Amino acid sequence: MNESLESFDHRFSLHQIQNHDLLVQIREIAVEEDSEKLPVVQIDGVQGQNHALMRVEHPVQLKLEGTLGDYAFAFNDQTDVRMTGNVGHGVGDGMKSGAVKIRGNAGDGAGCSMTGGTLAIYGSAGDRCGAAMRGGGIFVRGDVGDETAIGALGGTIVIGGDAGANLGDAASNVTIFIRGQAKSLANGVTEAPLRQREQLRLGLLLINASIRGEAKDFRRVVPKAMLEAEQNKTGELNPNWR
């Protein structure tokens, strides 16, 4: 059965209510503190809208099917989003916590500047995925474009397919796992051995993101200074590996 057609507790349509009013109604949904199950909210009328469901800050589960434009679910906090369909540029921009799972493709800038949470894209993503991110995890089952992780200061990016040019440019305390090939690595980053503890960590991350794959099939891309510190068994309290 299609995930978006399963049972739900609340239902709204993007055709019948403005985004601001929709956010107000979502935030008014009662949540039982002791319950392990989030209230399920079905969103209809998903037809390419820009800036849809930005700044949702409530522990509910959203289910959507269709397509959305740019900056969908930007600044998401606490919400568990499950969408079937493609999204435009900037999905999950500035995300703080929660999870956004896209069963489709994403445009440029997926997960830019995010500080926490999980962004999982089960198709492919465009250029500058994870740019300037500071925390959290991005998982892309397919390919990513050029300049992935450019300026990233922290967090984890997992790439199930190939990457474009200039992977990891000016990245600092961020780890990239890639299963395919990169068109080119940026200056200052390098491939590193996938140590046993990274295999265990990556295996858990893949499970949490519901992405199939063996951790041993991935390689690690890190700043050269980070690798040198690992090899010398040194490090910093607040590392800056640029």
Foldseek 3Di string as FASTA:
>chain_A
DDPLPDDADEEDECVPDPQVVVLVVVQPDDDDPPDPAAGEYEYHNAEAEELHCEPNAHQHEYEEEYEYEEADPAQPHNYAYDYEYEYEYNDNHQHEAYEHEYAYEYEYAHHAQHAAYEYEYAAEYEYQHHAQHEEYEYEYLEEYEYAHPANHEEYEYEHNYEYEPAYNHQYWHYKYKYLYYYNYHHPQKDWDACDPVNQVVVVVVCVVSVHDDHSNSIIIMHGPQVVVCVVVVHADPRTGRD
